[in-house]
Amino acid sequence: MRDTAATSAQPAMIVMSIWCSSLSLSSRSLAIALVICVTLVYFSYSFNACLLASISRSLQQ
């Protein structure tokens, strides 16, 4: 599941990097934005996985 999450997040990263470079931001702010984006994507996928596991457990009971 994490492999599909990583591959689906790559086009968004490419679009974001193109968008940030078109704004001609400094490399430091670009790195900060990239780290924030990766962190948000990671937490959203882990939260969704936890939510799905909780739903499947409640359905099995």
PDB file of N, CA and C in Angstrom:
ATOM      1  N   MET A   1       0.824  -1.197   0.000  1.00  0.00           N
ATOM      2  CA  MET A   1       0.000   0.000   0.000  1.00  0.00           C
ATOM      3  C   MET A   1       0.866   1.258   0.000  1.00  0.00           C
ATOM      4  N   ARG A   2       1.982   1.200   0.692  1.00  0.00           N
ATOM      5  CA  ARG A   2       2.850   2.379   0.724  1.00  0.00           C
ATOM      6  C   ARG A   2       3.501   2.634  -0.631  1.00  0.00           C
ATOM      7  N   ASP A   3       3.748   1.560  -1.410  1.00  0.00           N
ATOM      8  CA  ASP A   3       4.342   1.758  -2.727  1.00  0.00           C
ATOM      9  C   ASP A   3       3.385   2.512  -3.648  1.00  0.00           C
ATOM     10  N   THR A   4       2.108   2.152  -3.623  1.00  0.00           N
ATOM     11  CA  THR A   4       1.141   2.860  -4.456  1.00  0.00           C
ATOM     12  C   THR A   4       0.961   4.292  -3.977  1.00  0.00           C
ATOM     13  N   ALA A   5       1.047   4.513  -2.671  1.00  0.00           N
ATOM     14  CA  ALA A   5       0.925   5.863  -2.142  1.00  0.00           C
ATOM     15  C   ALA A   5       2.096   6.727  -2.600  1.00  0.00           C
ATOM     16  N   ALA A   6       3.279   6.151  -2.621  1.00  0.00           N
ATOM     17  CA  ALA A   6       4.456   6.906  -3.036  1.00  0.00           C
ATOM     18  C   ALA A   6       4.386   7.238  -4.517  1.00  0.00           C
ATOM     19  N   THR A   7       3.926   6.286  -5.334  1.00  0.00           N
ATOM     20  CA  THR A   7       3.870   6.546  -6.768  1.00  0.00           C
ATOM     21  C   THR A   7       2.766   7.533  -7.110  1.00  0.00           C
ATOM     22  N   SER A   8       1.665   7.523  -6.381  1.00  0.00           N
ATOM     23  CA  SER A   8       0.590   8.467  -6.675  1.00  0.00           C
ATOM     24  C   SER A   8       0.938   9.871  -6.192  1.00  0.00           C
ATOM     25  N   ALA A   9       1.851   9.990  -5.242  1.00  0.00           N
ATOM     26  CA  ALA A   9       2.228  11.304  -4.732  1.00  0.00           C
ATOM     27  C   ALA A   9       3.281  11.972  -5.609  1.00  0.00           C
ATOM     28  N   GLN A  10       3.982  11.207  -6.441  1.00  0.00           N
ATOM     29  CA  GLN A  10       5.054  11.784  -7.245  1.00  0.00           C
ATOM     30  C   GLN A  10       4.576  12.844  -8.242  1.00  0.00           C
ATOM     31  N   PRO A  11       3.482  12.642  -8.998  1.00  0.00           N
ATOM     32  CA  PRO A  11       3.055  13.714  -9.910  1.00  0.00           C
ATOM     33  C   PRO A  11       2.725  15.008  -9.183  1.00  0.00           C
ATOM     34  N   ALA A  12       2.137  14.915  -7.994  1.00  0.00           N
ATOM     35  CA  ALA A  12       1.834  16.120  -7.224  1.00  0.00           C
ATOM     36  C   ALA A  12       3.116  16.827  -6.809  1.00  0.00           C
ATOM     37  N   MET A  13       4.143  16.048  -6.471  1.00  0.00           N
ATOM     38  CA  MET A  13       5.428  16.643  -6.104  1.00  0.00           C
ATOM     39  C   MET A  13       6.046  17.365  -7.299  1.00  0.00           C
ATOM     40  N   ILE A  14       5.956  16.746  -8.484  1.00  0.00           N
ATOM     41  CA  ILE A  14       6.530  17.362  -9.685  1.00  0.00           C
ATOM     42  C   ILE A  14       5.799  18.661 -10.003  1.00  0.00           C
ATOM     43  N   VAL A  15       4.470  18.630  -9.918  1.00  0.00           N
ATOM     44  CA  VAL A  15       3.685  19.838 -10.183  1.00  0.00           C
ATOM     45  C   VAL A  15       4.019  20.921  -9.170  1.00  0.00           C
ATOM     46  N   MET A  16       4.166  20.523  -7.905  1.00  0.00           N
ATOM     47  CA  MET A  16       4.475  21.500  -6.864  1.00  0.00           C
ATOM     48  C   MET A  16       5.860  22.106  -7.070  1.00  0.00           C
ATOM     49  N   SER A  17       6.834  21.270  -7.470  1.00  0.00           N
ATOM     50  CA  SER A  17       8.179  21.798  -7.671  1.00  0.00           C
ATOM     51  C   SER A  17       8.217  22.741  -8.869  1.00  0.00           C
ATOM     52  N   ILE A  18       7.461  22.417  -9.934  1.00  0.00           N
ATOM     53  CA  ILE A  18       7.404  23.313 -11.093  1.00  0.00           C
ATOM     54  C   ILE A  18       6.737  24.629 -10.699  1.00  0.00           C
ATOM     55  N   TRP A  19       5.666  24.535  -9.916  1.00  0.00           N
ATOM     56  CA  TRP A  19       4.942  25.727  -9.488  1.00  0.00           C
ATOM     57  C   TRP A  19       5.814  26.605  -8.600  1.00  0.00           C
ATOM     58  N   CYS A  20       6.556  25.981  -7.689  1.00  0.00           N
ATOM     59  CA  CYS A  20       7.427  26.748  -6.796  1.00  0.00           C
ATOM     60  C   CYS A  20       8.579  27.381  -7.562  1.00  0.00           C
ATOM     61  N   SER A  21       9.138  26.667  -8.547  1.00  0.00           N
ATOM     62  CA  SER A  21      10.251  27.234  -9.298  1.00  0.00           C
ATOM     63  C   SER A  21       9.773  28.361 -10.201  1.00  0.00           C
ATOM     64  N   SER A  22       8.515  28.308 -10.656  1.00  0.00           N
ATOM     65  CA  SER A  22       7.997  29.400 -11.477  1.00  0.00           C
ATOM     66  C   SER A  22       7.806  30.660 -10.642  1.00  0.00           C
ATOM     67  N   LEU A  23       7.604  30.496  -9.343  1.00  0.00           N
ATOM     68  CA  LEU A  23       7.509  31.649  -8.460  1.00  0.00           C
ATOM     69  C   LEU A  23       8.892  32.164  -8.069  1.00  0.00           C
ATOM     70  N   SER A  24       9.919  31.465  -8.504  1.00  0.00           N
ATOM     71  CA  SER A  24      11.321  31.800  -8.225  1.00  0.00           C
ATOM     72  C   SER A  24      11.579  32.000  -6.737  1.00  0.00           C
ATOM     73  N   LEU A  25      11.157  31.032  -5.955  1.00  0.00           N
ATOM     74  CA  LEU A  25      11.442  31.052  -4.526  1.00  0.00           C
ATOM     75  C   LEU A  25      12.886  30.639  -4.287  1.00  0.00           C
ATOM     76  N   SER A  26      13.374  30.959  -3.119  1.00  0.00           N
ATOM     77  CA  SER A  26      14.727  30.528  -2.793  1.00  0.00           C
ATOM     78  C   SER A  26      14.747  29.028  -2.552  1.00  0.00           C
ATOM     79  N   SER A  27      15.913  28.433  -2.633  1.00  0.00           N
ATOM     80  CA  SER A  27      16.015  26.982  -2.471  1.00  0.00           C
ATOM     81  C   SER A  27      15.669  26.560  -1.046  1.00  0.00           C
ATOM     82  N   ARG A  28      15.909  27.437  -0.093  1.00  0.00           N
ATOM     83  CA  ARG A  28      15.583  27.096   1.297  1.00  0.00           C
ATOM     84  C   ARG A  28      14.075  27.010   1.502  1.00  0.00           C
ATOM     85  N   SER A  29      13.336  27.977   0.996  1.00  0.00           N
ATOM     86  CA  SER A  29      11.884  27.934   1.156  1.00  0.00           C
ATOM     87  C   SER A  29      11.275  26.812   0.328  1.00  0.00           C
ATOM     88  N   LEU A  30      11.893  26.489  -0.807  1.00  0.00           N
ATOM     89  CA  LEU A  30      11.427  25.355  -1.603  1.00  0.00           C
ATOM     90  C   LEU A  30      11.619  24.055  -0.833  1.00  0.00           C
ATOM     91  N   ALA A  31      12.758  23.916  -0.162  1.00  0.00           N
ATOM     92  CA  ALA A  31      13.012  22.715   0.633  1.00  0.00           C
ATOM     93  C   ALA A  31      12.035  22.624   1.803  1.00  0.00           C
ATOM     94  N   ILE A  32      11.744  23.743   2.439  1.00  0.00           N
ATOM     95  CA  ILE A  32      10.788  23.748   3.551  1.00  0.00           C
ATOM     96  C   ILE A  32       9.399  23.353   3.060  1.00  0.00           C
ATOM     97  N   ALA A  33       8.979  23.901   1.919  1.00  0.00           N
ATOM     98  CA  ALA A  33       7.662  23.565   1.368  1.00  0.00           C
ATOM     99  C   ALA A  33       7.594  22.094   0.991  1.00  0.00           C
ATOM    100  N   LEU A  34       8.679  21.564   0.449  1.00  0.00           N
ATOM    101  CA  LEU A  34       8.711  20.158   0.057  1.00  0.00           C
ATOM    102  C   LEU A  34       8.626  19.247   1.283  1.00  0.00           C
ATOM    103  N   VAL A  35       9.349  19.593   2.349  1.00  0.00           N
ATOM    104  CA  VAL A  35       9.304  18.799   3.579  1.00  0.00           C
ATOM    105  C   VAL A  35       7.903  18.830   4.186  1.00  0.00           C
ATOM    106  N   ILE A  36       7.273  19.993   4.193  1.00  0.00           N
ATOM    107  CA  ILE A  36       5.916  20.101   4.730  1.00  0.00           C
ATOM    108  C   ILE A  36       4.946  19.270   3.904  1.00  0.00           C
ATOM    109  N   CYS A  37       5.091  19.316   2.575  1.00  0.00           N
ATOM    110  CA  CYS A  37       4.199  18.552   1.700  1.00  0.00           C
ATOM    111  C   CYS A  37       4.376  17.057   1.918  1.00  0.00           C
ATOM    112  N   VAL A  38       5.625  16.594   2.001  1.00  0.00           N
ATOM    113  CA  VAL A  38       5.885  15.171   2.228  1.00  0.00           C
ATOM    114  C   VAL A  38       5.324  14.736   3.579  1.00  0.00           C
ATOM    115  N   THR A  39       5.500  15.577   4.601  1.00  0.00           N
ATOM    116  CA  THR A  39       4.989  15.246   5.930  1.00  0.00           C
ATOM    117  C   THR A  39       3.467  15.150   5.936  1.00  0.00           C
ATOM    118  N   LEU A  40       2.807  16.096   5.275  1.00  0.00           N
ATOM    119  CA  LEU A  40       1.345  16.066   5.219  1.00  0.00           C
ATOM    120  C   LEU A  40       0.838  14.850   4.460  1.00  0.00           C
ATOM    121  N   VAL A  41       1.498  14.505   3.356  1.00  0.00           N
ATOM    122  CA  VAL A  41       1.094  13.325   2.583  1.00  0.00           C
ATOM    123  C   VAL A  41       1.281  12.066   3.417  1.00  0.00           C
ATOM    124  N   TYR A  42       2.413  11.973   4.133  1.00  0.00           N
ATOM    125  CA  TYR A  42       2.677  10.792   4.959  1.00  0.00           C
ATOM    126  C   TYR A  42       1.631  10.642   6.059  1.00  0.00           C
ATOM    127  N   PHE A  43       1.330  11.744   6.758  1.00  0.00           N
ATOM    128  CA  PHE A  43       0.359  11.663   7.844  1.00  0.00           C
ATOM    129  C   PHE A  43      -1.045  11.377   7.327  1.00  0.00           C
ATOM    130  N   SER A  44      -1.394  11.915   6.165  1.00  0.00           N
ATOM    131  CA  SER A  44      -2.735  11.646   5.641  1.00  0.00           C
ATOM    132  C   SER A  44      -2.881  10.183   5.249  1.00  0.00           C
ATOM    133  N   TYR A  45      -1.844   9.600   4.631  1.00  0.00           N
ATOM    134  CA  TYR A  45      -1.924   8.188   4.266  1.00  0.00           C
ATOM    135  C   TYR A  45      -1.915   7.290   5.498  1.00  0.00           C
ATOM    136  N   SER A  46      -1.111   7.619   6.505  1.00  0.00           N
ATOM    137  CA  SER A  46      -1.094   6.784   7.706  1.00  0.00           C
ATOM    138  C   SER A  46      -2.407   6.915   8.476  1.00  0.00           C
ATOM    139  N   PHE A  47      -3.003   8.107   8.479  1.00  0.00           N
ATOM    140  CA  PHE A  47      -4.301   8.285   9.137  1.00  0.00           C
ATOM    141  C   PHE A  47      -5.385   7.502   8.403  1.00  0.00           C
ATOM    142  N   ASN A  48      -5.353   7.523   7.060  1.00  0.00           N
ATOM    143  CA  ASN A  48      -6.337   6.763   6.289  1.00  0.00           C
ATOM    144  C   ASN A  48      -6.172   5.268   6.528  1.00  0.00           C
ATOM    145  N   ALA A  49      -4.937   4.787   6.615  1.00  0.00           N
ATOM    146  CA  ALA A  49      -4.709   3.361   6.870  1.00  0.00           C
ATOM    147  C   ALA A  49      -5.224   2.983   8.252  1.00  0.00           C
ATOM    148  N   CYS A  50      -4.989   3.841   9.230  1.00  0.00           N
ATOM    149  CA  CYS A  50      -5.477   3.580  10.591  1.00  0.00           C
ATOM    150  C   CYS A  50      -6.997   3.596  10.625  1.00  0.00           C
ATOM    151  N   LEU A  51      -7.604   4.533   9.913  1.00  0.00           N
ATOM    152  CA  LEU A  51      -9.059   4.624   9.866  1.00  0.00           C
ATOM    153  C   LEU A  51      -9.667   3.397   9.199  1.00  0.00           C
ATOM    154  N   LEU A  52      -9.065   2.942   8.098  1.00  0.00           N
ATOM    155  CA  LEU A  52      -9.569   1.749   7.414  1.00  0.00           C
ATOM    156  C   LEU A  52      -9.431   0.511   8.290  1.00  0.00           C
ATOM    157  N   ALA A  53      -8.334   0.406   9.029  1.00  0.00           N
ATOM    158  CA  ALA A  53      -8.150  -0.737   9.924  1.00  0.00           C
ATOM    159  C   ALA A  53      -9.196  -0.715  11.034  1.00  0.00           C
ATOM    160  N   SER A  54      -9.492   0.461  11.546  1.00  0.00           N
ATOM    161  CA  SER A  54     -10.504   0.573  12.598  1.00  0.00           C
ATOM    162  C   SER A  54     -11.890   0.211  12.068  1.00  0.00           C
ATOM    163  N   ILE A  55     -12.201   0.650  10.867  1.00  0.00           N
ATOM    164  CA  ILE A  55     -13.508   0.327  10.271  1.00  0.00           C
ATOM    165  C   ILE A  55     -13.627  -1.167  10.015  1.00  0.00           C
ATOM    166  N   SER A  56     -12.572  -1.773   9.498  1.00  0.00           N
ATOM    167  CA  SER A  56     -12.641  -3.210   9.212  1.00  0.00           C
ATOM    168  C   SER A  56     -12.754  -4.022  10.501  1.00  0.00           C
ATOM    169  N   ARG A  57     -12.088  -3.563  11.576  1.00  0.00           N
ATOM    170  CA  ARG A  57     -12.222  -4.251  12.868  1.00  0.00           C
ATOM    171  C   ARG A  57     -13.649  -4.148  13.394  1.00  0.00           C
ATOM    172  N   SER A  58     -14.252  -2.979  13.271  1.00  0.00           N
ATOM    173  CA  SER A  58     -15.616  -2.815  13.782  1.00  0.00           C
ATOM    174  C   SER A  58     -16.624  -3.589  12.940  1.00  0.00           C
ATOM    175  N   LEU A  59     -16.353  -3.756  11.653  1.00  0.00           N
ATOM    176  CA  LEU A  59     -17.262  -4.533  10.808  1.00  0.00           C
ATOM    177  C   LEU A  59     -17.159  -6.025  11.098  1.00  0.00           C
ATOM    178  N   GLN A  60     -15.987  -6.484  11.508  1.00  0.00           N
ATOM    179  CA  GLN A  60     -15.810  -7.907  11.789  1.00  0.00           C
ATOM    180  C   GLN A  60     -16.490  -8.308  13.089  1.00  0.00           C
ATOM    181  N   GLN A  61     -16.700  -7.378  13.986  1.00  0.00           N
ATOM    182  CA  GLN A  61     -17.286  -7.724  15.287  1.00  0.00           C
ATOM    183  C   GLN A  61     -18.779  -7.961  15.220  1.00  0.00           C
TER     184      GLN A  61
END
